[in-house]
Amino acid sequence: MKVQSALISGFLVASLSFAGILRSNAAIAYGVPANTAGTQAYNGALGNDFDVTSPDGILVTRLGVFDDLSDGLNSTITVGIFDRTTATLVGSSITFNGNDGSLEDATRFADLTSPISLPAGFQGSIVAQGYNGAERNGNTGTGSTAGTTDDGDGAISFVGGSRFGPGGVFGYPTSVDGGPANRYHAGNFDFTVTSVDSDNDGLPDHWETQFGLNPDDPADADDDGDGDGLTNLEELGLHTDPTDDDSDDDGLTDGAEAT
């Protein structure tokens, strides 16, 4: 397995111990059931497009490739994330052979040496290349059943587009294809939601700003501004409004419902 890096201005190749960053549970962007058969032998680049919508971006921790029949790769497959606005590789690509990586359902995943932080508004495409008659990709246009998608509770948006390009040197596919958003069983990625937490109080800055709290005051995590018996940190975890003691207007305070 080979990892190749690209230094891209404006994008953070981040350490997992990066201070002041909160992360939610990981999400796998594209779900393909185990033992799924490929339906196309396309040797060029295949991409599925996505946009980052989380206010504080996402952290991509693993890249993956579709394994035809989940029985090991009979071809060399390279995967990476490209910026659709610049057509350039962001962070590192990973090349898989044989039984490289960890097989999860129909995808082989490998950790990125340096996780890639993608900011809000990033327009990307997850691109894989190297499929052929011995190791087929999936394509809903050639008989594949579309898998599932996971947007990480709205952290990313699957924009419904896909793309393809020629074989040869691994690169950005410029020919736009039709949907659905997960048209190709090819590249995949695992990501977490990143949130800036300037005062390290467990409350994301954008959440504190939304509800009139101070992103630089760690003490407000324990405050109960609406008097419902829940701290602001508890309100965050319960997805309730820290400025309204009855977030769902059912006549019961949030604190009473939580207990």
C-alpha atoms as a PDB file:
ATOM      1  CA  MET A   1       0.000   0.000   0.000  1.00  0.00           C
ATOM      2  CA  LYS A   2       1.411   3.362  -1.040  1.00  0.00           C
ATOM      3  CA  VAL A   3       0.630   6.828   0.310  1.00  0.00           C
ATOM      4  CA  GLN A   4       1.430   9.855  -1.835  1.00  0.00           C
ATOM      5  CA  SER A   5       1.129  13.385  -0.468  1.00  0.00           C
ATOM      6  CA  ALA A   6       0.306  16.698  -2.057  1.00  0.00           C
ATOM      7  CA  LEU A   7       0.790  19.999  -0.235  1.00  0.00           C
ATOM      8  CA  ILE A   8      -2.212  22.187  -0.990  1.00  0.00           C
ATOM      9  CA  SER A   9      -2.331  25.799   0.168  1.00  0.00           C
ATOM     10  CA  GLY A  10      -5.383  26.648   2.244  1.00  0.00           C
ATOM     11  CA  PHE A  11      -6.078  23.136   3.553  1.00  0.00           C
ATOM     12  CA  LEU A  12      -4.903  21.793   6.871  1.00  0.00           C
ATOM     13  CA  VAL A  13      -3.308  18.366   7.006  1.00  0.00           C
ATOM     14  CA  ALA A  14      -4.115  17.919  10.660  1.00  0.00           C
ATOM     15  CA  SER A  15      -2.906  15.904  13.617  1.00  0.00           C
ATOM     16  CA  LEU A  16      -5.565  13.960  15.516  1.00  0.00           C
ATOM     17  CA  SER A  17      -4.340  15.579  18.735  1.00  0.00           C
ATOM     18  CA  PHE A  18      -4.910  19.092  17.396  1.00  0.00           C
ATOM     19  CA  ALA A  19      -5.896  21.275  20.393  1.00  0.00           C
ATOM     20  CA  GLY A  20      -9.163  23.205  20.440  1.00  0.00           C
ATOM     21  CA  ILE A  21     -10.919  20.835  18.015  1.00  0.00           C
ATOM     22  CA  LEU A  22     -14.013  18.796  18.885  1.00  0.00           C
ATOM     23  CA  ARG A  23     -14.850  15.707  16.828  1.00  0.00           C
ATOM     24  CA  SER A  24     -18.040  13.669  16.568  1.00  0.00           C
ATOM     25  CA  ASN A  25     -18.241   9.965  15.773  1.00  0.00           C
ATOM     26  CA  ALA A  26     -16.882   8.918  12.408  1.00  0.00           C
ATOM     27  CA  ALA A  27     -19.131   8.531   9.384  1.00  0.00           C
ATOM     28  CA  ILE A  28     -18.452   6.544   6.210  1.00  0.00           C
ATOM     29  CA  ALA A  29     -19.588   8.564   3.217  1.00  0.00           C
ATOM     30  CA  TYR A  30     -20.677   5.718   0.937  1.00  0.00           C
ATOM     31  CA  GLY A  31     -22.107   2.396   2.066  1.00  0.00           C
ATOM     32  CA  VAL A  32     -21.849  -0.647  -0.215  1.00  0.00           C
ATOM     33  CA  PRO A  33     -22.961  -4.095   1.065  1.00  0.00           C
ATOM     34  CA  ALA A  34     -20.401  -6.872   1.445  1.00  0.00           C
ATOM     35  CA  ASN A  35     -19.924  -9.194  -1.536  1.00  0.00           C
ATOM     36  CA  THR A  36     -21.328  -6.644  -3.990  1.00  0.00           C
ATOM     37  CA  ALA A  37     -20.235  -7.441  -7.543  1.00  0.00           C
ATOM     38  CA  GLY A  38     -18.809  -4.813  -9.850  1.00  0.00           C
ATOM     39  CA  THR A  39     -20.598  -4.191 -13.134  1.00  0.00           C
ATOM     40  CA  GLN A  40     -18.084  -2.182 -15.158  1.00  0.00           C
ATOM     41  CA  ALA A  41     -14.419  -2.513 -16.159  1.00  0.00           C
ATOM     42  CA  TYR A  42     -13.431   1.143 -16.393  1.00  0.00           C
ATOM     43  CA  ASN A  43      -9.712   1.829 -16.088  1.00  0.00           C
ATOM     44  CA  GLY A  44      -9.961   5.620 -15.902  1.00  0.00           C
ATOM     45  CA  ALA A  45     -10.677   7.934 -12.969  1.00  0.00           C
ATOM     46  CA  LEU A  46     -14.137   7.766 -11.353  1.00  0.00           C
ATOM     47  CA  GLY A  47     -15.403  10.427  -8.957  1.00  0.00           C
ATOM     48  CA  ASN A  48     -18.435  11.096  -6.758  1.00  0.00           C
ATOM     49  CA  ASP A  49     -18.931  14.767  -5.853  1.00  0.00           C
ATOM     50  CA  PHE A  50     -19.658  16.226  -2.414  1.00  0.00           C
ATOM     51  CA  ASP A  51     -19.657  19.592  -0.630  1.00  0.00           C
ATOM     52  CA  VAL A  52     -18.696  20.341   2.989  1.00  0.00           C
ATOM     53  CA  THR A  53     -21.566  22.061   4.818  1.00  0.00           C
ATOM     54  CA  SER A  54     -20.512  21.804   8.477  1.00  0.00           C
ATOM     55  CA  PRO A  55     -19.685  25.339   9.723  1.00  0.00           C
ATOM     56  CA  ASP A  56     -16.301  24.181  11.001  1.00  0.00           C
ATOM     57  CA  GLY A  57     -15.518  21.657   8.286  1.00  0.00           C
ATOM     58  CA  ILE A  58     -14.721  17.953   8.479  1.00  0.00           C
ATOM     59  CA  LEU A  59     -11.656  15.842   9.190  1.00  0.00           C
ATOM     60  CA  VAL A  60     -11.058  12.991   6.729  1.00  0.00           C
ATOM     61  CA  THR A  61      -9.296  10.182   8.581  1.00  0.00           C
ATOM     62  CA  ARG A  62      -9.372   7.255   6.126  1.00  0.00           C
ATOM     63  CA  LEU A  63      -9.641   6.648   2.400  1.00  0.00           C
ATOM     64  CA  GLY A  64     -11.111   3.521   0.864  1.00  0.00           C
ATOM     65  CA  VAL A  65     -11.712   1.682  -2.404  1.00  0.00           C
ATOM     66  CA  PHE A  66     -14.479  -0.639  -3.582  1.00  0.00           C
ATOM     67  CA  ASP A  67     -13.500  -4.337  -3.571  1.00  0.00           C
ATOM     68  CA  ASP A  68     -15.396  -6.245  -6.284  1.00  0.00           C
ATOM     69  CA  LEU A  69     -16.987  -9.294  -4.560  1.00  0.00           C
ATOM     70  CA  SER A  70     -15.090  -8.395  -1.339  1.00  0.00           C
ATOM     71  CA  ASP A  71     -12.429 -11.006  -2.114  1.00  0.00           C
ATOM     72  CA  GLY A  72      -9.268  -8.942  -2.427  1.00  0.00           C
ATOM     73  CA  LEU A  73      -8.159  -6.557  -5.144  1.00  0.00           C
ATOM     74  CA  ASN A  74      -7.005  -8.037  -8.447  1.00  0.00           C
ATOM     75  CA  SER A  75      -5.771  -4.666  -9.655  1.00  0.00           C
ATOM     76  CA  THR A  76      -3.912  -1.652  -8.273  1.00  0.00           C
ATOM     77  CA  ILE A  77      -6.422   1.018  -7.210  1.00  0.00           C
ATOM     78  CA  THR A  78      -5.515   4.584  -6.216  1.00  0.00           C
ATOM     79  CA  VAL A  79      -7.880   6.897  -4.331  1.00  0.00           C
ATOM     80  CA  GLY A  80      -7.758  10.557  -3.293  1.00  0.00           C
ATOM     81  CA  ILE A  81      -9.857  13.669  -2.729  1.00  0.00           C
ATOM     82  CA  PHE A  82      -9.764  16.421  -5.343  1.00  0.00           C
ATOM     83  CA  ASP A  83     -10.850  20.048  -5.096  1.00  0.00           C
ATOM     84  CA  ARG A  84     -13.463  20.592  -7.813  1.00  0.00           C
ATOM     85  CA  THR A  85     -12.678  24.309  -8.058  1.00  0.00           C
ATOM     86  CA  THR A  86      -8.957  23.807  -8.739  1.00  0.00           C
ATOM     87  CA  ALA A  87      -8.896  20.185 -10.017  1.00  0.00           C
ATOM     88  CA  THR A  88      -6.025  19.460  -7.606  1.00  0.00           C
ATOM     89  CA  LEU A  89      -5.384  16.645  -5.142  1.00  0.00           C
ATOM     90  CA  VAL A  90      -5.860  17.598  -1.487  1.00  0.00           C
ATOM     91  CA  GLY A  91      -3.598  15.917   1.059  1.00  0.00           C
ATOM     92  CA  SER A  92      -2.556  12.346   0.283  1.00  0.00           C
ATOM     93  CA  SER A  93      -3.697   9.656  -2.113  1.00  0.00           C
ATOM     94  CA  ILE A  94      -3.483   5.974  -1.153  1.00  0.00           C
ATOM     95  CA  THR A  95      -2.770   3.070  -3.493  1.00  0.00           C
ATOM     96  CA  PHE A  96      -4.213  -0.370  -2.651  1.00  0.00           C
ATOM     97  CA  ASN A  97      -3.248  -3.866  -3.832  1.00  0.00           C
ATOM     98  CA  GLY A  98      -4.524  -7.332  -2.918  1.00  0.00           C
ATOM     99  CA  ASN A  99      -5.722  -7.466   0.682  1.00  0.00           C
ATOM    100  CA  ASP A 100      -4.371  -4.070   1.690  1.00  0.00           C
ATOM    101  CA  GLY A 101      -6.277  -2.170   4.331  1.00  0.00           C
ATOM    102  CA  SER A 102      -9.262  -3.184   6.420  1.00  0.00           C
ATOM    103  CA  LEU A 103     -12.262  -4.682   4.592  1.00  0.00           C
ATOM    104  CA  GLU A 104     -15.516  -3.175   5.851  1.00  0.00           C
ATOM    105  CA  ASP A 105     -18.543  -4.400   3.909  1.00  0.00           C
ATOM    106  CA  ALA A 106     -17.414  -3.896   0.283  1.00  0.00           C
ATOM    107  CA  THR A 107     -14.768  -1.225   0.918  1.00  0.00           C
ATOM    108  CA  ARG A 108     -11.094  -1.545   1.840  1.00  0.00           C
ATOM    109  CA  PHE A 109     -10.025   1.321   4.114  1.00  0.00           C
ATOM    110  CA  ALA A 110      -6.606   2.582   5.179  1.00  0.00           C
ATOM    111  CA  ASP A 111      -5.699   5.335   7.635  1.00  0.00           C
ATOM    112  CA  LEU A 112      -4.251   8.547   6.292  1.00  0.00           C
ATOM    113  CA  THR A 113      -0.844   9.265   7.800  1.00  0.00           C
ATOM    114  CA  SER A 114      -1.980  12.871   8.176  1.00  0.00           C
ATOM    115  CA  PRO A 115      -5.772  13.347   8.314  1.00  0.00           C
ATOM    116  CA  ILE A 116      -7.118  16.010   5.960  1.00  0.00           C
ATOM    117  CA  SER A 117      -9.166  18.936   7.270  1.00  0.00           C
ATOM    118  CA  LEU A 118     -11.643  20.252   4.698  1.00  0.00           C
ATOM    119  CA  PRO A 119     -13.227  23.644   5.474  1.00  0.00           C
ATOM    120  CA  ALA A 120     -16.860  24.682   5.208  1.00  0.00           C
ATOM    121  CA  GLY A 121     -17.739  25.366   1.588  1.00  0.00           C
ATOM    122  CA  PHE A 122     -15.156  22.951   0.186  1.00  0.00           C
ATOM    123  CA  GLN A 123     -16.322  21.409  -3.091  1.00  0.00           C
ATOM    124  CA  GLY A 124     -14.715  18.044  -3.611  1.00  0.00           C
ATOM    125  CA  SER A 125     -14.802  14.732  -5.403  1.00  0.00           C
ATOM    126  CA  ILE A 126     -13.634  11.379  -4.066  1.00  0.00           C
ATOM    127  CA  VAL A 127     -11.782   9.808  -6.975  1.00  0.00           C
ATOM    128  CA  ALA A 128     -10.537   6.254  -7.557  1.00  0.00           C
ATOM    129  CA  GLN A 129      -8.707   4.846 -10.562  1.00  0.00           C
ATOM    130  CA  GLY A 130      -7.415   1.461 -11.709  1.00  0.00           C
ATOM    131  CA  TYR A 131     -10.428  -0.801 -12.127  1.00  0.00           C
ATOM    132  CA  ASN A 132     -10.446  -3.230 -15.070  1.00  0.00           C
ATOM    133  CA  GLY A 133     -11.780  -6.594 -16.202  1.00  0.00           C
ATOM    134  CA  ALA A 134     -10.076  -8.370 -13.307  1.00  0.00           C
ATOM    135  CA  GLU A 135     -11.377  -5.910 -10.678  1.00  0.00           C
ATOM    136  CA  ARG A 136     -14.565  -4.176 -11.724  1.00  0.00           C
ATOM    137  CA  ASN A 137     -16.025  -0.955 -10.343  1.00  0.00           C
ATOM    138  CA  GLY A 138     -19.717  -0.474  -9.690  1.00  0.00           C
ATOM    139  CA  ASN A 139     -21.872   1.873 -11.771  1.00  0.00           C
ATOM    140  CA  THR A 140     -25.629   2.323 -11.374  1.00  0.00           C
ATOM    141  CA  GLY A 141     -25.695   3.075 -15.091  1.00  0.00           C
ATOM    142  CA  THR A 142     -24.450  -0.449 -15.873  1.00  0.00           C
ATOM    143  CA  GLY A 143     -26.639  -2.381 -13.458  1.00  0.00           C
ATOM    144  CA  SER A 144     -25.231  -1.719  -9.982  1.00  0.00           C
ATOM    145  CA  THR A 145     -27.636  -1.066  -7.130  1.00  0.00           C
ATOM    146  CA  ALA A 146     -26.958   2.280  -5.475  1.00  0.00           C
ATOM    147  CA  GLY A 147     -25.630   1.915  -1.952  1.00  0.00           C
ATOM    148  CA  THR A 148     -26.287   4.255   0.956  1.00  0.00           C
ATOM    149  CA  THR A 149     -24.815   7.615   1.892  1.00  0.00           C
ATOM    150  CA  ASP A 150     -24.033   9.108   5.304  1.00  0.00           C
ATOM    151  CA  ASP A 151     -23.776  12.892   5.503  1.00  0.00           C
ATOM    152  CA  GLY A 152     -22.632  12.931   9.133  1.00  0.00           C
ATOM    153  CA  ASP A 153     -25.802  14.678  10.346  1.00  0.00           C
ATOM    154  CA  GLY A 154     -25.564  17.310   7.640  1.00  0.00           C
ATOM    155  CA  ALA A 155     -21.794  17.814   7.731  1.00  0.00           C
ATOM    156  CA  ILE A 156     -21.500  17.145   4.010  1.00  0.00           C
ATOM    157  CA  SER A 157     -23.884  17.307   1.066  1.00  0.00           C
ATOM    158  CA  PHE A 158     -23.976  14.793  -1.769  1.00  0.00           C
ATOM    159  CA  VAL A 159     -24.566  17.078  -4.721  1.00  0.00           C
ATOM    160  CA  GLY A 160     -25.890  14.412  -7.072  1.00  0.00           C
ATOM    161  CA  GLY A 161     -23.063  14.599  -9.582  1.00  0.00           C
ATOM    162  CA  SER A 162     -20.359  12.178 -10.625  1.00  0.00           C
ATOM    163  CA  ARG A 163     -17.496  12.297 -13.105  1.00  0.00           C
ATOM    164  CA  PHE A 164     -15.093  10.186 -15.120  1.00  0.00           C
ATOM    165  CA  GLY A 165     -11.759  10.642 -16.869  1.00  0.00           C
ATOM    166  CA  PRO A 166      -9.112   8.766 -18.860  1.00  0.00           C
ATOM    167  CA  GLY A 167      -6.649   6.210 -17.550  1.00  0.00           C
ATOM    168  CA  GLY A 168      -2.929   6.821 -17.179  1.00  0.00           C
ATOM    169  CA  VAL A 169      -1.561   9.109 -14.471  1.00  0.00           C
ATOM    170  CA  PHE A 170      -3.909   9.411 -11.482  1.00  0.00           C
ATOM    171  CA  GLY A 171      -5.706  12.720 -11.831  1.00  0.00           C
ATOM    172  CA  TYR A 172      -8.920  14.700 -11.693  1.00  0.00           C
ATOM    173  CA  PRO A 173     -11.734  13.400 -13.939  1.00  0.00           C
ATOM    174  CA  THR A 174     -13.205  16.333 -15.870  1.00  0.00           C
ATOM    175  CA  SER A 175     -16.090  14.669 -17.739  1.00  0.00           C
ATOM    176  CA  VAL A 176     -19.324  15.176 -15.797  1.00  0.00           C
ATOM    177  CA  ASP A 177     -21.710  12.233 -15.591  1.00  0.00           C
ATOM    178  CA  GLY A 178     -25.250  11.984 -14.270  1.00  0.00           C
ATOM    179  CA  GLY A 179     -26.389  11.078 -10.773  1.00  0.00           C
ATOM    180  CA  PRO A 180     -27.219   9.610  -8.379  1.00  0.00           C
ATOM    181  CA  ALA A 181     -24.791  11.053  -5.868  1.00  0.00           C
ATOM    182  CA  ASN A 182     -23.265   7.621  -5.288  1.00  0.00           C
ATOM    183  CA  ARG A 183     -23.331   6.472  -8.911  1.00  0.00           C
ATOM    184  CA  TYR A 184     -19.932   4.765  -8.749  1.00  0.00           C
ATOM    185  CA  HIS A 185     -18.738   2.072  -6.368  1.00  0.00           C
ATOM    186  CA  ALA A 186     -15.122   3.230  -6.426  1.00  0.00           C
ATOM    187  CA  GLY A 187     -13.583   5.675  -3.933  1.00  0.00           C
ATOM    188  CA  ASN A 188     -14.771   6.209  -0.367  1.00  0.00           C
ATOM    189  CA  PHE A 189     -13.776   8.151   2.747  1.00  0.00           C
ATOM    190  CA  ASP A 190     -14.313   8.148   6.490  1.00  0.00           C
ATOM    191  CA  PHE A 191     -14.713  11.500   8.238  1.00  0.00           C
ATOM    192  CA  THR A 192     -15.489  13.186  11.527  1.00  0.00           C
ATOM    193  CA  VAL A 193     -17.074  16.561  12.113  1.00  0.00           C
ATOM    194  CA  THR A 194     -14.612  19.150  13.366  1.00  0.00           C
ATOM    195  CA  SER A 195     -15.716  22.057  15.515  1.00  0.00           C
ATOM    196  CA  VAL A 196     -13.479  24.853  16.765  1.00  0.00           C
ATOM    197  CA  ASP A 197     -13.623  25.229  20.555  1.00  0.00           C
ATOM    198  CA  SER A 198     -11.479  28.237  21.433  1.00  0.00           C
ATOM    199  CA  ASP A 199     -11.949  28.007  25.210  1.00  0.00           C
ATOM    200  CA  ASN A 200     -11.865  24.187  25.388  1.00  0.00           C
ATOM    201  CA  ASP A 201     -15.123  24.027  27.344  1.00  0.00           C
ATOM    202  CA  GLY A 202     -16.758  21.361  25.182  1.00  0.00           C
ATOM    203  CA  LEU A 203     -19.031  23.860  23.412  1.00  0.00           C
ATOM    204  CA  PRO A 204     -18.259  24.524  19.721  1.00  0.00           C
ATOM    205  CA  ASP A 205     -17.636  28.187  18.947  1.00  0.00           C
ATOM    206  CA  HIS A 206     -20.376  28.320  16.308  1.00  0.00           C
ATOM    207  CA  TRP A 207     -22.913  26.905  18.824  1.00  0.00           C
ATOM    208  CA  GLU A 208     -21.922  29.442  21.487  1.00  0.00           C
ATOM    209  CA  THR A 209     -22.209  32.282  18.979  1.00  0.00           C
ATOM    210  CA  GLN A 210     -25.596  31.014  17.781  1.00  0.00           C
ATOM    211  CA  PHE A 211     -27.030  31.164  21.307  1.00  0.00           C
ATOM    212  CA  GLY A 212     -25.329  34.350  22.489  1.00  0.00           C
ATOM    213  CA  LEU A 213     -22.625  32.738  24.628  1.00  0.00           C
ATOM    214  CA  ASN A 214     -18.958  33.723  24.757  1.00  0.00           C
ATOM    215  CA  PRO A 215     -16.626  31.402  22.790  1.00  0.00           C
ATOM    216  CA  ASP A 216     -13.721  32.652  24.919  1.00  0.00           C
ATOM    217  CA  ASP A 217     -15.328  32.009  28.336  1.00  0.00           C
ATOM    218  CA  PRO A 218     -14.965  28.398  29.514  1.00  0.00           C
ATOM    219  CA  ALA A 219     -17.209  29.028  32.533  1.00  0.00           C
ATOM    220  CA  ASP A 220     -20.379  29.285  30.456  1.00  0.00           C
ATOM    221  CA  ALA A 221     -20.398  25.530  29.825  1.00  0.00           C
ATOM    222  CA  ASP A 222     -21.759  25.077  33.361  1.00  0.00           C
ATOM    223  CA  ASP A 223     -24.243  27.966  33.203  1.00  0.00           C
ATOM    224  CA  ASP A 224     -28.001  27.427  33.094  1.00  0.00           C
ATOM    225  CA  GLY A 225     -29.194  30.635  31.486  1.00  0.00           C
ATOM    226  CA  ASP A 226     -32.792  29.530  30.903  1.00  0.00           C
ATOM    227  CA  GLY A 227     -33.229  28.000  34.375  1.00  0.00           C
ATOM    228  CA  ASP A 228     -34.440  24.606  33.175  1.00  0.00           C
ATOM    229  CA  GLY A 229     -32.003  22.629  35.308  1.00  0.00           C
ATOM    230  CA  LEU A 230     -29.649  21.797  32.446  1.00  0.00           C
ATOM    231  CA  THR A 231     -26.194  23.246  31.911  1.00  0.00           C
ATOM    232  CA  ASN A 232     -25.272  24.606  28.509  1.00  0.00           C
ATOM    233  CA  LEU A 233     -23.064  21.559  27.963  1.00  0.00           C
ATOM    234  CA  GLU A 234     -26.016  19.273  28.715  1.00  0.00           C
ATOM    235  CA  GLU A 235     -28.239  21.302  26.377  1.00  0.00           C
ATOM    236  CA  LEU A 236     -25.687  20.793  23.595  1.00  0.00           C
ATOM    237  CA  GLY A 237     -25.732  17.032  24.106  1.00  0.00           C
ATOM    238  CA  LEU A 238     -29.534  16.922  24.174  1.00  0.00           C
ATOM    239  CA  HIS A 239     -29.912  19.214  21.131  1.00  0.00           C
ATOM    240  CA  THR A 240     -32.106  21.601  23.120  1.00  0.00           C
ATOM    241  CA  ASP A 241     -32.159  25.405  23.136  1.00  0.00           C
ATOM    242  CA  PRO A 242     -30.110  26.842  26.048  1.00  0.00           C
ATOM    243  CA  THR A 243     -32.104  30.087  25.848  1.00  0.00           C
ATOM    244  CA  ASP A 244     -35.554  28.423  26.072  1.00  0.00           C
ATOM    245  CA  ASP A 245     -36.557  26.289  29.061  1.00  0.00           C
ATOM    246  CA  ASP A 246     -39.166  24.468  26.932  1.00  0.00           C
ATOM    247  CA  SER A 247     -37.523  23.925  23.553  1.00  0.00           C
ATOM    248  CA  ASP A 248     -40.387  21.884  22.089  1.00  0.00           C
ATOM    249  CA  ASP A 249     -43.202  24.010  23.620  1.00  0.00           C
ATOM    250  CA  ASP A 250     -44.995  21.015  25.134  1.00  0.00           C
ATOM    251  CA  GLY A 251     -45.486  22.543  28.581  1.00  0.00           C
ATOM    252  CA  LEU A 252     -42.647  20.602  30.204  1.00  0.00           C
ATOM    253  CA  THR A 253     -39.251  22.117  30.871  1.00  0.00           C
ATOM    254  CA  ASP A 254     -36.291  20.592  29.091  1.00  0.00           C
ATOM    255  CA  GLY A 255     -34.817  19.584  32.441  1.00  0.00           C
ATOM    256  CA  ALA A 256     -37.991  17.744  33.464  1.00  0.00           C
ATOM    257  CA  GLU A 257     -38.089  15.861  30.172  1.00  0.00           C
ATOM    258  CA  ALA A 258     -34.417  14.940  30.425  1.00  0.00           C
ATOM    259  CA  THR A 259     -34.982  13.252  33.782  1.00  0.00           C
END
